[in-house]
Amino acid sequence: MTGGEAYKQKLLTEDALNAVVAAYLADPSVPAVLEIGTGRIDIAAAVLAHAYAVEVLGREGVTGPQRRNAVRTAVLLATVG
């Protein structure tokens, strides 16, 4: 199951998703983990596995909403493990 599938099934709430994205963006060096049922998504690993998110976060002049959407997309596409 991916984060997006968990979101569609209401196993992942909008509030939890927003909180973990905000936590990651506030300090990417602090481990951020999203727990979904008995599975988890490591946010840093999800971002690093998503080429677009890495590119957006590494680019200068990117707006806050662009950064947030890149991380959010990486989380939604990540596999819950």
PDB file of N, CA and C in Angstrom:
ATOM      1  N   MET A   1       0.845  -1.166   0.000  1.00  0.00           N
ATOM      2  CA  MET A   1       0.000   0.000   0.000  1.00  0.00           C
ATOM      3  C   MET A   1       0.898   1.239   0.000  1.00  0.00           C
ATOM      4  N   THR A   2       0.478   2.268  -0.698  1.00  0.00           N
ATOM      5  CA  THR A   2       1.213   3.530  -0.706  1.00  0.00           C
ATOM      6  C   THR A   2       0.553   4.519   0.256  1.00  0.00           C
ATOM      7  N   GLY A   3       1.239   5.608   0.512  1.00  0.00           N
ATOM      8  CA  GLY A   3       0.651   6.652   1.339  1.00  0.00           C
ATOM      9  C   GLY A   3      -0.627   7.186   0.718  1.00  0.00           C
ATOM     10  N   GLY A   4      -0.655   7.290  -0.601  1.00  0.00           N
ATOM     11  CA  GLY A   4      -1.845   7.771  -1.305  1.00  0.00           C
ATOM     12  C   GLY A   4      -3.021   6.825  -1.146  1.00  0.00           C
ATOM     13  N   GLU A   5      -2.754   5.529  -1.218  1.00  0.00           N
ATOM     14  CA  GLU A   5      -3.830   4.552  -1.029  1.00  0.00           C
ATOM     15  C   GLU A   5      -4.354   4.618   0.401  1.00  0.00           C
ATOM     16  N   ALA A   6      -3.448   4.776   1.367  1.00  0.00           N
ATOM     17  CA  ALA A   6      -3.869   4.912   2.765  1.00  0.00           C
ATOM     18  C   ALA A   6      -4.693   6.179   2.946  1.00  0.00           C
ATOM     19  N   TYR A   7      -4.330   7.231   2.255  1.00  0.00           N
ATOM     20  CA  TYR A   7      -5.064   8.497   2.319  1.00  0.00           C
ATOM     21  C   TYR A   7      -6.476   8.318   1.753  1.00  0.00           C
ATOM     22  N   LYS A   8      -6.589   7.653   0.626  1.00  0.00           N
ATOM     23  CA  LYS A   8      -7.901   7.407   0.011  1.00  0.00           C
ATOM     24  C   LYS A   8      -8.785   6.550   0.903  1.00  0.00           C
ATOM     25  N   GLN A   9      -8.167   5.617   1.625  1.00  0.00           N
ATOM     26  CA  GLN A   9      -8.919   4.717   2.507  1.00  0.00           C
ATOM     27  C   GLN A   9      -9.171   5.338   3.884  1.00  0.00           C
ATOM     28  N   LYS A  10      -8.770   6.592   4.041  1.00  0.00           N
ATOM     29  CA  LYS A  10      -8.948   7.329   5.301  1.00  0.00           C
ATOM     30  C   LYS A  10      -8.120   6.766   6.447  1.00  0.00           C
ATOM     31  N   LEU A  11      -7.057   6.006   6.133  1.00  0.00           N
ATOM     32  CA  LEU A  11      -6.137   5.520   7.156  1.00  0.00           C
ATOM     33  C   LEU A  11      -5.106   6.589   7.491  1.00  0.00           C
ATOM     34  N   LEU A  12      -4.941   7.539   6.581  1.00  0.00           N
ATOM     35  CA  LEU A  12      -4.026   8.662   6.751  1.00  0.00           C
ATOM     36  C   LEU A  12      -4.862   9.932   6.653  1.00  0.00           C
ATOM     37  N   THR A  13      -4.850  10.726   7.717  1.00  0.00           N
ATOM     38  CA  THR A  13      -5.658  11.937   7.724  1.00  0.00           C
ATOM     39  C   THR A  13      -4.890  13.117   7.141  1.00  0.00           C
ATOM     40  N   GLU A  14      -5.630  14.108   6.713  1.00  0.00           N
ATOM     41  CA  GLU A  14      -5.026  15.337   6.190  1.00  0.00           C
ATOM     42  C   GLU A  14      -4.161  15.998   7.261  1.00  0.00           C
ATOM     43  N   ASP A  15      -4.654  16.009   8.502  1.00  0.00           N
ATOM     44  CA  ASP A  15      -3.899  16.626   9.598  1.00  0.00           C
ATOM     45  C   ASP A  15      -2.567  15.917   9.837  1.00  0.00           C
ATOM     46  N   ALA A  16      -2.575  14.591   9.833  1.00  0.00           N
ATOM     47  CA  ALA A  16      -1.342  13.829  10.050  1.00  0.00           C
ATOM     48  C   ALA A  16      -0.364  14.057   8.901  1.00  0.00           C
ATOM     49  N   LEU A  17      -0.868  14.086   7.691  1.00  0.00           N
ATOM     50  CA  LEU A  17      -0.020  14.324   6.524  1.00  0.00           C
ATOM     51  C   LEU A  17       0.593  15.717   6.578  1.00  0.00           C
ATOM     52  N   ASN A  18      -0.221  16.718   6.867  1.00  0.00           N
ATOM     53  CA  ASN A  18       0.284  18.092   6.966  1.00  0.00           C
ATOM     54  C   ASN A  18       1.313  18.233   8.080  1.00  0.00           C
ATOM     55  N   ALA A  19       1.079  17.576   9.196  1.00  0.00           N
ATOM     56  CA  ALA A  19       1.987  17.676  10.340  1.00  0.00           C
ATOM     57  C   ALA A  19       3.360  17.081  10.014  1.00  0.00           C
ATOM     58  N   VAL A  20       3.374  15.927   9.370  1.00  0.00           N
ATOM     59  CA  VAL A  20       4.651  15.278   9.075  1.00  0.00           C
ATOM     60  C   VAL A  20       5.409  16.037   7.979  1.00  0.00           C
ATOM     61  N   VAL A  21       4.699  16.605   7.028  1.00  0.00           N
ATOM     62  CA  VAL A  21       5.351  17.408   5.984  1.00  0.00           C
ATOM     63  C   VAL A  21       5.952  18.662   6.615  1.00  0.00           C
ATOM     64  N   ALA A  22       5.189  19.326   7.487  1.00  0.00           N
ATOM     65  CA  ALA A  22       5.690  20.529   8.158  1.00  0.00           C
ATOM     66  C   ALA A  22       6.896  20.208   9.033  1.00  0.00           C
ATOM     67  N   ALA A  23       6.852  19.082   9.740  1.00  0.00           N
ATOM     68  CA  ALA A  23       7.972  18.684  10.600  1.00  0.00           C
ATOM     69  C   ALA A  23       9.223  18.436   9.762  1.00  0.00           C
ATOM     70  N   TYR A  24       9.068  17.762   8.645  1.00  0.00           N
ATOM     71  CA  TYR A  24      10.216  17.488   7.781  1.00  0.00           C
ATOM     72  C   TYR A  24      10.799  18.786   7.237  1.00  0.00           C
ATOM     73  N   LEU A  25       9.949  19.676   6.764  1.00  0.00           N
ATOM     74  CA  LEU A  25      10.437  20.929   6.187  1.00  0.00           C
ATOM     75  C   LEU A  25      11.062  21.838   7.238  1.00  0.00           C
ATOM     76  N   ALA A  26      10.592  21.759   8.468  1.00  0.00           N
ATOM     77  CA  ALA A  26      11.159  22.579   9.544  1.00  0.00           C
ATOM     78  C   ALA A  26      12.593  22.172   9.837  1.00  0.00           C
ATOM     79  N   ASP A  27      12.876  20.864   9.815  1.00  0.00           N
ATOM     80  CA  ASP A  27      14.237  20.379  10.073  1.00  0.00           C
ATOM     81  C   ASP A  27      14.383  18.970   9.503  1.00  0.00           C
ATOM     82  N   PRO A  28      14.871  18.871   8.266  1.00  0.00           N
ATOM     83  CA  PRO A  28      15.009  17.551   7.635  1.00  0.00           C
ATOM     84  C   PRO A  28      15.978  16.607   8.346  1.00  0.00           C
ATOM     85  N   SER A  29      16.818  17.132   9.237  1.00  0.00           N
ATOM     86  CA  SER A  29      17.773  16.266   9.936  1.00  0.00           C
ATOM     87  C   SER A  29      17.135  15.519  11.104  1.00  0.00           C
ATOM     88  N   VAL A  30      15.959  15.958  11.534  1.00  0.00           N
ATOM     89  CA  VAL A  30      15.245  15.282  12.624  1.00  0.00           C
ATOM     90  C   VAL A  30      14.385  14.175  12.002  1.00  0.00           C
ATOM     91  N   PRO A  31      14.521  12.952  12.488  1.00  0.00           N
ATOM     92  CA  PRO A  31      13.728  11.855  11.910  1.00  0.00           C
ATOM     93  C   PRO A  31      12.229  12.125  12.009  1.00  0.00           C
ATOM     94  N   ALA A  32      11.562  11.990  10.878  1.00  0.00           N
ATOM     95  CA  ALA A  32      10.104  12.138  10.827  1.00  0.00           C
ATOM     96  C   ALA A  32       9.542  10.850  10.254  1.00  0.00           C
ATOM     97  N   VAL A  33       8.657  10.235  11.002  1.00  0.00           N
ATOM     98  CA  VAL A  33       8.068   8.961  10.590  1.00  0.00           C
ATOM     99  C   VAL A  33       6.557   9.090  10.684  1.00  0.00           C
ATOM    100  N   LEU A  34       5.896   8.612   9.645  1.00  0.00           N
ATOM    101  CA  LEU A  34       4.439   8.609   9.605  1.00  0.00           C
ATOM    102  C   LEU A  34       3.980   7.183   9.841  1.00  0.00           C
ATOM    103  N   GLU A  35       3.205   6.977  10.882  1.00  0.00           N
ATOM    104  CA  GLU A  35       2.707   5.640  11.181  1.00  0.00           C
ATOM    105  C   GLU A  35       1.288   5.499  10.648  1.00  0.00           C
ATOM    106  N   ILE A  36       1.089   4.426   9.877  1.00  0.00           N
ATOM    107  CA  ILE A  36      -0.212   4.135   9.281  1.00  0.00           C
ATOM    108  C   ILE A  36      -0.538   2.697   9.638  1.00  0.00           C
ATOM    109  N   GLY A  37      -1.456   2.524  10.574  1.00  0.00           N
ATOM    110  CA  GLY A  37      -1.767   1.184  11.057  1.00  0.00           C
ATOM    111  C   GLY A  37      -0.526   0.569  11.654  1.00  0.00           C
ATOM    112  N   THR A  38      -0.140  -0.593  11.138  1.00  0.00           N
ATOM    113  CA  THR A  38       1.071  -1.250  11.630  1.00  0.00           C
ATOM    114  C   THR A  38       2.287  -0.917  10.773  1.00  0.00           C
ATOM    115  N   GLY A  39       2.096  -0.119   9.726  1.00  0.00           N
ATOM    116  CA  GLY A  39       3.196   0.256   8.845  1.00  0.00           C
ATOM    117  C   GLY A  39       3.688   1.662   9.115  1.00  0.00           C
ATOM    118  N   ARG A  40       4.781   2.017   8.435  1.00  0.00           N
ATOM    119  CA  ARG A  40       5.378   3.335   8.622  1.00  0.00           C
ATOM    120  C   ARG A  40       5.980   3.823   7.315  1.00  0.00           C
ATOM    121  N   ILE A  41       6.098   5.136   7.230  1.00  0.00           N
ATOM    122  CA  ILE A  41       6.815   5.766   6.129  1.00  0.00           C
ATOM    123  C   ILE A  41       7.864   6.677   6.743  1.00  0.00           C
ATOM    124  N   ASP A  42       9.106   6.442   6.396  1.00  0.00           N
ATOM    125  CA  ASP A  42      10.210   7.315   6.798  1.00  0.00           C
ATOM    126  C   ASP A  42      10.197   8.471   5.800  1.00  0.00           C
ATOM    127  N   ILE A  43       9.931   9.671   6.270  1.00  0.00           N
ATOM    128  CA  ILE A  43       9.743  10.811   5.382  1.00  0.00           C
ATOM    129  C   ILE A  43      11.027  11.157   4.632  1.00  0.00           C
ATOM    130  N   ALA A  44      12.159  11.149   5.295  1.00  0.00           N
ATOM    131  CA  ALA A  44      13.425  11.459   4.622  1.00  0.00           C
ATOM    132  C   ALA A  44      13.710  10.442   3.519  1.00  0.00           C
ATOM    133  N   ALA A  45      13.473   9.179   3.785  1.00  0.00           N
ATOM    134  CA  ALA A  45      13.695   8.138   2.776  1.00  0.00           C
ATOM    135  C   ALA A  45      12.733   8.305   1.611  1.00  0.00           C
ATOM    136  N   ALA A  46      11.490   8.666   1.908  1.00  0.00           N
ATOM    137  CA  ALA A  46      10.500   8.881   0.852  1.00  0.00           C
ATOM    138  C   ALA A  46      10.919  10.034  -0.054  1.00  0.00           C
ATOM    139  N   VAL A  47      11.411  11.106   0.547  1.00  0.00           N
ATOM    140  CA  VAL A  47      11.850  12.267  -0.236  1.00  0.00           C
ATOM    141  C   VAL A  47      13.062  11.893  -1.089  1.00  0.00           C
ATOM    142  N   LEU A  48      14.036  11.213  -0.491  1.00  0.00           N
ATOM    143  CA  LEU A  48      15.239  10.835  -1.236  1.00  0.00           C
ATOM    144  C   LEU A  48      14.945   9.860  -2.377  1.00  0.00           C
ATOM    145  N   ALA A  49      13.892   9.070  -2.236  1.00  0.00           N
ATOM    146  CA  ALA A  49      13.522   8.109  -3.269  1.00  0.00           C
ATOM    147  C   ALA A  49      12.728   8.750  -4.402  1.00  0.00           C
ATOM    148  N   HIS A  50      12.321   9.986  -4.220  1.00  0.00           N
ATOM    149  CA  HIS A  50      11.483  10.669  -5.206  1.00  0.00           C
ATOM    150  C   HIS A  50      12.322  11.753  -5.894  1.00  0.00           C
ATOM    151  N   ALA A  51      12.750  11.489  -7.120  1.00  0.00           N
ATOM    152  CA  ALA A  51      13.675  12.381  -7.828  1.00  0.00           C
ATOM    153  C   ALA A  51      13.158  13.810  -7.936  1.00  0.00           C
ATOM    154  N   TYR A  52      11.876  13.979  -8.197  1.00  0.00           N
ATOM    155  CA  TYR A  52      11.325  15.332  -8.330  1.00  0.00           C
ATOM    156  C   TYR A  52      11.430  16.099  -7.017  1.00  0.00           C
ATOM    157  N   ALA A  53      11.126  15.434  -5.903  1.00  0.00           N
ATOM    158  CA  ALA A  53      11.215  16.098  -4.596  1.00  0.00           C
ATOM    159  C   ALA A  53      12.652  16.519  -4.310  1.00  0.00           C
ATOM    160  N   VAL A  54      13.607  15.655  -4.612  1.00  0.00           N
ATOM    161  CA  VAL A  54      15.017  15.979  -4.400  1.00  0.00           C
ATOM    162  C   VAL A  54      15.393  17.192  -5.241  1.00  0.00           C
ATOM    163  N   GLU A  55      14.948  17.217  -6.482  1.00  0.00           N
ATOM    164  CA  GLU A  55      15.262  18.329  -7.382  1.00  0.00           C
ATOM    165  C   GLU A  55      14.646  19.638  -6.887  1.00  0.00           C
ATOM    166  N   VAL A  56      13.390  19.606  -6.490  1.00  0.00           N
ATOM    167  CA  VAL A  56      12.710  20.816  -6.013  1.00  0.00           C
ATOM    168  C   VAL A  56      13.363  21.331  -4.735  1.00  0.00           C
ATOM    169  N   LEU A  57      13.631  20.453  -3.799  1.00  0.00           N
ATOM    170  CA  LEU A  57      14.207  20.879  -2.527  1.00  0.00           C
ATOM    171  C   LEU A  57      15.644  21.368  -2.671  1.00  0.00           C
ATOM    172  N   GLY A  58      16.323  20.952  -3.716  1.00  0.00           N
ATOM    173  CA  GLY A  58      17.690  21.380  -3.936  1.00  0.00           C
ATOM    174  C   GLY A  58      17.822  22.650  -4.760  1.00  0.00           C
ATOM    175  N   ARG A  59      16.724  23.085  -5.330  1.00  0.00           N
ATOM    176  CA  ARG A  59      16.741  24.260  -6.201  1.00  0.00           C
ATOM    177  C   ARG A  59      16.566  25.533  -5.376  1.00  0.00           C
ATOM    178  N   GLU A  60      17.238  26.605  -5.779  1.00  0.00           N
ATOM    179  CA  GLU A  60      17.084  27.895  -5.105  1.00  0.00           C
ATOM    180  C   GLU A  60      15.867  28.619  -5.664  1.00  0.00           C
ATOM    181  N   GLY A  61      15.240  29.444  -4.835  1.00  0.00           N
ATOM    182  CA  GLY A  61      14.113  30.254  -5.272  1.00  0.00           C
ATOM    183  C   GLY A  61      12.784  29.526  -5.297  1.00  0.00           C
ATOM    184  N   VAL A  62      12.731  28.331  -4.738  1.00  0.00           N
ATOM    185  CA  VAL A  62      11.489  27.564  -4.707  1.00  0.00           C
ATOM    186  C   VAL A  62      10.608  28.103  -3.586  1.00  0.00           C
ATOM    187  N   THR A  63       9.338  28.263  -3.858  1.00  0.00           N
ATOM    188  CA  THR A  63       8.419  28.805  -2.860  1.00  0.00           C
ATOM    189  C   THR A  63       8.077  27.753  -1.809  1.00  0.00           C
ATOM    190  N   GLY A  64       7.559  28.225  -0.687  1.00  0.00           N
ATOM    191  CA  GLY A  64       7.130  27.324   0.385  1.00  0.00           C
ATOM    192  C   GLY A  64       6.101  26.306  -0.080  1.00  0.00           C
ATOM    193  N   PRO A  65       5.051  26.754  -0.795  1.00  0.00           N
ATOM    194  CA  PRO A  65       4.068  25.781  -1.277  1.00  0.00           C
ATOM    195  C   PRO A  65       4.654  24.748  -2.241  1.00  0.00           C
ATOM    196  N   GLN A  66       5.610  25.126  -3.066  1.00  0.00           N
ATOM    197  CA  GLN A  66       6.249  24.156  -3.965  1.00  0.00           C
ATOM    198  C   GLN A  66       7.023  23.116  -3.165  1.00  0.00           C
ATOM    199  N   ARG A  67       7.727  23.565  -2.129  1.00  0.00           N
ATOM    200  CA  ARG A  67       8.479  22.642  -1.272  1.00  0.00           C
ATOM    201  C   ARG A  67       7.517  21.689  -0.565  1.00  0.00           C
ATOM    202  N   ARG A  68       6.439  22.247  -0.031  1.00  0.00           N
ATOM    203  CA  ARG A  68       5.445  21.433   0.679  1.00  0.00           C
ATOM    204  C   ARG A  68       4.829  20.395  -0.256  1.00  0.00           C
ATOM    205  N   ASN A  69       4.464  20.813  -1.458  1.00  0.00           N
ATOM    206  CA  ASN A  69       3.844  19.885  -2.405  1.00  0.00           C
ATOM    207  C   ASN A  69       4.806  18.797  -2.855  1.00  0.00           C
ATOM    208  N   ALA A  70       6.087  19.110  -2.982  1.00  0.00           N
ATOM    209  CA  ALA A  70       7.070  18.096  -3.374  1.00  0.00           C
ATOM    210  C   ALA A  70       7.194  17.025  -2.293  1.00  0.00           C
ATOM    211  N   VAL A  71       7.275  17.453  -1.040  1.00  0.00           N
ATOM    212  CA  VAL A  71       7.377  16.486   0.066  1.00  0.00           C
ATOM    213  C   VAL A  71       6.083  15.694   0.189  1.00  0.00           C
ATOM    214  N   ARG A  72       4.963  16.375   0.085  1.00  0.00           N
ATOM    215  CA  ARG A  72       3.648  15.714   0.186  1.00  0.00           C
ATOM    216  C   ARG A  72       3.508  14.637  -0.894  1.00  0.00           C
ATOM    217  N   THR A  73       3.912  14.969  -2.122  1.00  0.00           N
ATOM    218  CA  THR A  73       3.827  14.007  -3.221  1.00  0.00           C
ATOM    219  C   THR A  73       4.722  12.796  -2.952  1.00  0.00           C
ATOM    220  N   ALA A  74       5.924  13.046  -2.449  1.00  0.00           N
ATOM    221  CA  ALA A  74       6.836  11.946  -2.131  1.00  0.00           C
ATOM    222  C   ALA A  74       6.227  11.021  -1.076  1.00  0.00           C
ATOM    223  N   VAL A  75       5.587  11.590  -0.082  1.00  0.00           N
ATOM    224  CA  VAL A  75       4.959  10.784   0.977  1.00  0.00           C
ATOM    225  C   VAL A  75       3.789   9.983   0.417  1.00  0.00           C
ATOM    226  N   LEU A  76       2.974  10.601  -0.407  1.00  0.00           N
ATOM    227  CA  LEU A  76       1.806   9.908  -0.952  1.00  0.00           C
ATOM    228  C   LEU A  76       2.193   8.785  -1.910  1.00  0.00           C
ATOM    229  N   LEU A  77       3.346   8.903  -2.551  1.00  0.00           N
ATOM    230  CA  LEU A  77       3.805   7.858  -3.470  1.00  0.00           C
ATOM    231  C   LEU A  77       4.648   6.782  -2.791  1.00  0.00           C
ATOM    232  N   ALA A  78       5.063   7.039  -1.557  1.00  0.00           N
ATOM    233  CA  ALA A  78       5.911   6.092  -0.824  1.00  0.00           C
ATOM    234  C   ALA A  78       5.121   4.857  -0.412  1.00  0.00           C
ATOM    235  N   THR A  79       5.825   3.751  -0.345  1.00  0.00           N
ATOM    236  CA  THR A  79       5.228   2.501   0.098  1.00  0.00           C
ATOM    237  C   THR A  79       5.249   2.431   1.615  1.00  0.00           C
ATOM    238  N   VAL A  80       4.120   2.059   2.180  1.00  0.00           N
ATOM    239  CA  VAL A  80       4.023   1.881   3.624  1.00  0.00           C
ATOM    240  C   VAL A  80       4.689   0.544   3.954  1.00  0.00           C
ATOM    241  N   GLY A  81       5.705   0.615   4.810  1.00  0.00           N
ATOM    242  CA  GLY A  81       6.441  -0.611   5.118  1.00  0.00           C
ATOM    243  C   GLY A  81       6.353  -1.000   6.559  1.00  0.00           C
TER     244      GLY A  81
END
